[in-house]
Amino acid sequence: MPPAKPPRASPVSAPSKPPSADARTGQQVPTGGTALEVRLAALRLDLQNIARTARSIALEQPGFADAFRLPDPPTDGGLLTTAEAYIARLAARPDDDTATKAAKAAMTAAFLAHELPADFITHLQADVQAIRDEYALREKNREKGVRSTGTVGPLLKEANDIITMLNAVMHNKYTRVPDKLRAWKSASHVERAAQREKKPEPPTPTPPAA
């Protein structure tokens, strides 16, 4: 009896690229998609961490979490607006009065006491600015594309005018040279235009015998 064949190994699929860990929190941040999508995902994670921490602080300071709610629905614009609102409540400004600076410092200290990174406000500001810059770059590229598209029409008209003039010249010059005339018609798409009109083209006259 012939020896039994070993079982066939199942194909092993290549592992998908894992998400990277946020250096500040150790949490997983998606790495797929565009740079803007990755930045928005990181911002969403930051806001979730702040809101979750605020709810924890509210157990000892009732009402604390009211100023740190997440956007509903969490649209891209909502994430940016919410992040800017968090920054306005936490980041000290040169024109803040003494009481406002003290209140912001106290709120920041509460977050730090719950193990948020010491630079979480600075990082939030950097996230927002990077996303704003990415949006500005996309808008600039879009406007550039619109301007480029606007130049196509005049160029096409100029090309069509040149073809029209050459078409007359070629017909006049090569009426009695069928091969060259057919080559010109093919190159200039005159034959294709005639087919769209569904009109039979008169036969090219045969040159008289010498």
Protein backbone atom coordinates (compact mmCIF):
# COMPACT_ATOMS: atom_id res chain seq x y z
CA MET A 1 0.00 0.00 0.00
CA PRO A 2 1.46 3.37 -0.99
CA PRO A 3 2.22 5.73 1.88
CA ALA A 4 -0.46 8.27 2.70
CA LYS A 5 0.14 11.76 1.39
CA PRO A 6 0.76 14.41 4.03
CA PRO A 7 -2.12 16.84 4.52
CA ARG A 8 -1.93 19.99 2.41
CA ALA A 9 -1.00 23.07 4.36
CA SER A 10 -3.58 25.79 4.49
CA PRO A 11 -2.52 29.03 2.81
CA VAL A 12 -1.44 31.64 5.30
CA SER A 13 -2.61 35.13 4.53
CA ALA A 14 -0.22 37.99 5.11
CA PRO A 15 -0.99 39.84 8.34
CA SER A 16 -2.58 43.21 7.88
CA LYS A 17 -0.60 46.26 8.95
CA PRO A 18 -1.40 46.89 12.61
CA PRO A 19 -2.33 50.33 13.81
CA SER A 20 0.47 52.29 15.42
CA ALA A 21 0.49 53.17 19.07
CA ASP A 22 0.17 56.79 20.16
CA ALA A 23 3.49 57.67 21.78
CA ARG A 24 1.73 59.78 24.42
CA THR A 25 -1.02 57.39 25.50
CA GLY A 26 0.00 53.98 24.15
CA GLN A 27 -3.42 53.64 22.51
CA GLN A 28 -3.83 52.39 18.97
CA VAL A 29 -4.20 54.99 16.21
CA PRO A 30 -5.26 53.88 12.68
CA THR A 31 -2.48 54.31 10.12
CA GLY A 32 -4.44 53.66 6.91
CA GLY A 33 -6.04 56.31 4.75
CA THR A 34 -4.87 59.79 3.88
CA ALA A 35 -2.82 62.06 6.11
CA LEU A 36 -5.96 64.05 6.89
CA GLU A 37 -7.91 60.92 7.89
CA VAL A 38 -5.08 59.78 10.18
CA ARG A 39 -4.91 63.21 11.83
CA LEU A 40 -8.68 63.28 12.34
CA ALA A 41 -8.57 59.80 13.86
CA ALA A 42 -5.85 60.93 16.28
CA LEU A 43 -7.86 64.04 17.18
CA ARG A 44 -10.97 61.93 17.79
CA LEU A 45 -8.96 59.73 20.15
CA ASP A 46 -7.62 62.76 22.04
CA LEU A 47 -11.10 64.21 22.48
CA GLN A 48 -12.47 60.87 23.68
CA ASN A 49 -9.70 60.63 26.29
CA ILE A 50 -10.38 64.17 27.54
CA ALA A 51 -14.16 63.67 27.68
CA ARG A 52 -13.80 60.32 29.46
CA THR A 53 -11.43 61.86 32.00
CA ALA A 54 -13.80 64.80 32.52
CA ARG A 55 -16.62 62.38 33.35
CA SER A 56 -14.37 60.74 35.92
CA ILE A 57 -13.49 64.10 37.47
CA ALA A 58 -17.19 64.96 37.59
CA LEU A 59 -17.71 62.20 40.14
CA GLU A 60 -15.89 64.45 42.62
CA GLN A 61 -16.64 67.80 40.96
CA PRO A 62 -20.26 67.70 39.73
CA GLY A 63 -20.79 69.56 36.47
CA PHE A 64 -17.11 69.36 35.45
CA ALA A 65 -17.89 67.19 32.40
CA ASP A 66 -20.52 69.60 31.06
CA ALA A 67 -17.81 71.70 29.42
CA PHE A 68 -16.15 68.68 27.80
CA ARG A 69 -18.82 66.90 25.82
CA LEU A 70 -18.14 65.09 22.56
CA PRO A 71 -19.75 66.29 19.31
CA ASP A 72 -22.95 64.56 18.30
CA PRO A 73 -22.75 63.51 15.53
CA PRO A 74 -18.93 63.30 15.47
CA THR A 75 -18.42 64.90 12.05
CA ASP A 76 -15.02 66.21 10.97
CA GLY A 77 -16.19 69.78 11.45
CA GLY A 78 -17.68 68.87 14.82
CA LEU A 79 -14.39 67.39 15.97
CA LEU A 80 -12.52 70.56 15.06
CA THR A 81 -15.08 72.83 16.72
CA THR A 82 -15.06 70.71 19.88
CA ALA A 83 -11.26 70.64 20.01
CA GLU A 84 -11.10 74.42 19.69
CA ALA A 85 -13.70 74.74 22.48
CA TYR A 86 -11.60 72.49 24.75
CA ILE A 87 -8.52 74.57 23.99
CA ALA A 88 -10.39 77.81 24.75
CA ARG A 89 -11.40 76.41 28.16
CA LEU A 90 -7.96 75.10 29.10
CA ALA A 91 -5.20 77.07 27.36
CA ALA A 92 -4.18 80.32 29.06
CA ARG A 93 -4.27 83.45 26.92
CA PRO A 94 -2.25 86.63 27.43
CA ASP A 95 -5.46 88.66 27.79
CA ASP A 96 -7.02 86.35 30.44
CA ASP A 97 -7.62 87.99 33.80
CA THR A 98 -6.23 86.50 37.01
CA ALA A 99 -9.42 84.60 37.88
CA THR A 100 -9.69 83.06 34.41
CA LYS A 101 -6.04 81.95 34.45
CA ALA A 102 -6.53 80.38 37.88
CA ALA A 103 -9.67 78.52 36.74
CA LYS A 104 -7.93 77.17 33.65
CA ALA A 105 -4.92 76.10 35.71
CA ALA A 106 -7.20 74.27 38.16
CA MET A 107 -9.02 72.40 35.36
CA THR A 108 -5.71 71.45 33.74
CA ALA A 109 -4.38 70.21 37.08
CA ALA A 110 -7.45 68.01 37.50
CA PHE A 111 -6.81 66.37 34.14
CA LEU A 112 -3.13 65.85 34.94
CA ALA A 113 -4.05 64.28 38.26
CA HIS A 114 -5.96 61.66 36.24
CA GLU A 115 -2.84 60.80 34.21
CA LEU A 116 -3.41 62.77 31.02
CA PRO A 117 0.00 63.71 29.52
CA ALA A 118 1.46 67.00 30.70
CA ASP A 119 1.47 68.34 27.12
CA PHE A 120 -2.06 67.23 26.18
CA ILE A 121 -3.23 70.81 25.55
CA THR A 122 -0.21 71.63 23.38
CA HIS A 123 -0.69 68.41 21.46
CA LEU A 124 -4.39 69.19 20.93
CA GLN A 125 -3.46 72.62 19.56
CA ALA A 126 -0.93 71.02 17.19
CA ASP A 127 -3.53 68.51 15.97
CA VAL A 128 -6.03 71.25 15.19
CA GLN A 129 -3.46 73.39 13.37
CA ALA A 130 -2.22 70.42 11.31
CA ILE A 131 -5.77 69.58 10.23
CA ARG A 132 -6.51 73.21 9.37
CA ASP A 133 -3.32 73.31 7.29
CA GLU A 134 -4.29 70.10 5.49
CA TYR A 135 -7.72 71.52 4.63
CA ALA A 136 -6.10 74.74 3.37
CA LEU A 137 -3.71 72.74 1.17
CA ARG A 138 -6.59 70.73 -0.30
CA GLU A 139 -8.54 73.89 -1.06
CA LYS A 140 -5.48 75.44 -2.70
CA ASN A 141 -5.01 72.37 -4.89
CA ARG A 142 -8.71 72.36 -5.77
CA GLU A 143 -8.60 76.00 -6.86
CA LYS A 144 -5.46 75.29 -8.89
CA GLY A 145 -7.28 72.43 -10.61
CA VAL A 146 -10.24 74.68 -11.39
CA ARG A 147 -7.95 77.29 -12.94
CA SER A 148 -6.19 74.63 -14.99
CA THR A 149 -9.52 73.30 -16.22
CA GLY A 150 -10.53 76.80 -17.25
CA THR A 151 -7.63 76.99 -19.70
CA VAL A 152 -8.67 73.80 -21.52
CA GLY A 153 -11.61 75.38 -23.36
CA PRO A 154 -9.62 78.12 -25.12
CA LEU A 155 -6.87 75.65 -26.03
CA LEU A 156 -9.38 73.22 -27.54
CA LYS A 157 -10.98 76.03 -29.56
CA GLU A 158 -7.56 77.09 -30.84
CA ALA A 159 -6.77 73.49 -31.82
CA ASN A 160 -10.12 73.10 -33.60
CA ASP A 161 -9.54 76.34 -35.51
CA ILE A 162 -6.13 75.10 -36.66
CA ILE A 163 -7.60 71.76 -37.75
CA THR A 164 -10.34 73.55 -39.68
CA MET A 165 -7.79 75.64 -41.57
CA LEU A 166 -5.57 72.65 -42.25
CA ASN A 167 -8.56 70.60 -43.36
CA ALA A 168 -9.30 73.10 -46.14
CA VAL A 169 -5.64 73.15 -47.18
CA MET A 170 -5.33 69.37 -47.21
CA HIS A 171 -8.50 68.89 -49.27
CA ASN A 172 -7.35 71.47 -51.79
CA LYS A 173 -3.84 70.08 -52.04
CA TYR A 174 -4.53 66.34 -51.96
CA THR A 175 -7.91 66.00 -53.65
CA ARG A 176 -6.21 63.96 -56.37
CA VAL A 177 -3.98 62.03 -53.96
CA PRO A 178 -6.46 59.67 -52.24
CA ASP A 179 -3.97 57.95 -49.91
CA LYS A 180 -2.73 61.17 -48.38
CA LEU A 181 -6.22 62.61 -48.10
CA ARG A 182 -7.47 59.50 -46.30
CA ALA A 183 -4.49 59.67 -43.94
CA TRP A 184 -5.30 63.28 -43.14
CA LYS A 185 -8.96 62.50 -42.52
CA SER A 186 -8.01 59.71 -40.18
CA ALA A 187 -5.53 61.85 -38.27
CA SER A 188 -7.91 64.79 -37.90
CA HIS A 189 -10.92 62.59 -37.07
CA VAL A 190 -12.87 64.09 -39.97
CA GLU A 191 -14.06 60.63 -40.93
CA ARG A 192 -15.33 59.96 -37.40
CA ALA A 193 -17.26 63.21 -37.39
CA ALA A 194 -18.84 62.26 -40.70
CA GLN A 195 -19.89 58.91 -39.27
CA ARG A 196 -21.65 60.61 -36.36
CA GLU A 197 -23.68 62.59 -38.88
CA LYS A 198 -24.55 59.33 -40.66
CA LYS A 199 -24.12 60.89 -44.06
CA PRO A 200 -22.40 58.88 -46.77
CA GLU A 201 -19.16 60.45 -47.91
CA PRO A 202 -18.87 60.96 -51.68
CA PRO A 203 -16.16 58.82 -53.22
CA THR A 204 -12.77 60.39 -53.64
CA PRO A 205 -12.29 61.19 -57.35
CA THR A 206 -9.82 59.00 -59.14
CA PRO A 207 -6.96 60.97 -60.66
CA PRO A 208 -7.09 61.03 -64.46
CA ALA A 209 -4.77 58.74 -66.31
CA ALA A 210 -1.57 60.36 -67.41
